[in-house]
Amino acid sequence: MQKDIYEKIIGFLLGASWGIIFFGALLTFKIFISLGVVLAIFSTVVFVFVSLFLVLAIDALLVNKQRLQEAKKQTELLKKIYAKHTK
């Protein structure tokens, strides 16, 4: 199955998001380590959870697009079946 431009962009954004999560968590930890280990770990965990929520939101866009495509295919099949039985 070929991907359209929308799916390619979403795939790229998902990959970039995982990179941002990894390096952002490292950077967050390094910034807050001067204030204490517990605060650094807490702020890193908060950053990771917020970032993962955003990744899930991007993934939901892709899932909704795929669900719409499947609904269109099913609608076309139902129209063919209906046209075949109403003749």
Protein backbone atom coordinates (compact mmCIF):
# COMPACT_ATOMS: atom_id res chain seq x y z
CA MET A 1 0.00 0.00 0.00
CA GLN A 2 1.37 3.40 -0.96
CA LYS A 3 1.42 6.19 1.54
CA ASP A 4 0.09 9.60 0.63
CA ILE A 5 1.87 12.81 1.58
CA TYR A 6 -0.23 13.17 4.74
CA GLU A 7 0.91 9.78 6.08
CA LYS A 8 4.54 10.53 5.20
CA ILE A 9 4.41 13.82 7.10
CA ILE A 10 2.79 12.19 10.13
CA GLY A 11 5.40 9.40 10.05
CA PHE A 12 8.18 11.97 9.95
CA LEU A 13 6.63 13.92 12.82
CA LEU A 14 6.35 10.75 14.90
CA GLY A 15 10.02 9.92 14.34
CA ALA A 16 11.09 13.46 15.11
CA SER A 17 8.93 13.45 18.24
CA TRP A 18 10.71 10.39 19.62
CA GLY A 19 14.06 12.10 19.06
CA ILE A 20 12.82 15.24 20.77
CA ILE A 21 11.59 13.18 23.73
CA PHE A 22 14.94 11.46 24.15
CA PHE A 23 17.13 14.56 23.86
CA GLY A 24 14.62 16.74 25.69
CA ALA A 25 14.57 14.37 28.65
CA LEU A 26 18.37 14.37 28.74
CA LEU A 27 18.49 18.16 28.52
CA THR A 28 15.77 18.56 31.17
CA PHE A 29 17.66 16.30 33.53
CA LYS A 30 20.94 18.17 32.97
CA ILE A 31 19.28 21.54 33.55
CA PHE A 32 17.53 20.54 36.78
CA ILE A 33 20.33 18.39 38.25
CA SER A 34 21.89 21.53 39.76
CA LEU A 35 18.70 21.99 41.83
CA GLY A 36 18.72 18.43 43.15
CA VAL A 37 18.44 14.86 41.97
CA VAL A 38 14.83 14.40 43.07
CA LEU A 39 13.69 17.57 41.29
CA ALA A 40 15.65 16.61 38.18
CA ILE A 41 14.06 13.16 38.03
CA PHE A 42 10.58 14.57 38.71
CA SER A 43 10.86 17.26 36.03
CA THR A 44 12.24 14.73 33.54
CA VAL A 45 9.33 12.35 34.19
CA VAL A 46 6.83 15.20 33.77
CA PHE A 47 8.50 16.21 30.50
CA VAL A 48 8.38 12.63 29.22
CA PHE A 49 4.69 12.19 30.11
CA VAL A 50 3.69 15.45 28.43
CA SER A 51 5.75 14.56 25.36
CA LEU A 52 4.25 11.07 25.16
CA PHE A 53 0.77 12.60 25.30
CA LEU A 54 1.68 14.74 22.29
CA VAL A 55 3.03 11.68 20.44
CA LEU A 56 -0.26 9.90 21.10
CA ALA A 57 -2.13 12.90 19.72
CA ILE A 58 -0.09 12.77 16.51
CA ASP A 59 -0.64 9.02 16.27
CA ALA A 60 -4.38 9.55 16.73
CA LEU A 61 -4.36 11.73 13.60
CA LEU A 62 -2.90 8.86 11.61
CA VAL A 63 -5.35 6.33 13.04
CA ASN A 64 -8.32 8.58 12.23
CA LYS A 65 -7.07 9.03 8.67
CA GLN A 66 -6.79 5.25 8.24
CA ARG A 67 -10.24 4.72 9.75
CA LEU A 68 -11.71 7.25 7.31
CA GLN A 69 -10.08 5.45 4.37
CA GLU A 70 -11.52 2.11 5.52
CA ALA A 71 -14.98 3.65 5.93
CA LYS A 72 -14.81 4.98 2.37
CA LYS A 73 -13.86 1.53 1.06
CA GLN A 74 -16.70 -0.10 2.98
CA THR A 75 -19.17 2.50 1.70
CA GLU A 76 -18.17 1.79 -1.90
CA LEU A 77 -18.60 -1.95 -1.34
CA LEU A 78 -22.02 -1.44 0.24
CA LYS A 79 -23.10 0.75 -2.70
CA LYS A 80 -22.06 -1.99 -5.14
CA ILE A 81 -23.90 -4.65 -3.16
CA TYR A 82 -27.01 -2.48 -2.89
CA ALA A 83 -26.96 -1.66 -6.61
CA LYS A 84 -26.56 -5.33 -7.46
CA HIS A 85 -29.55 -6.44 -5.35
CA THR A 86 -31.92 -3.62 -6.31
CA LYS A 87 -31.80 -4.26 -10.07
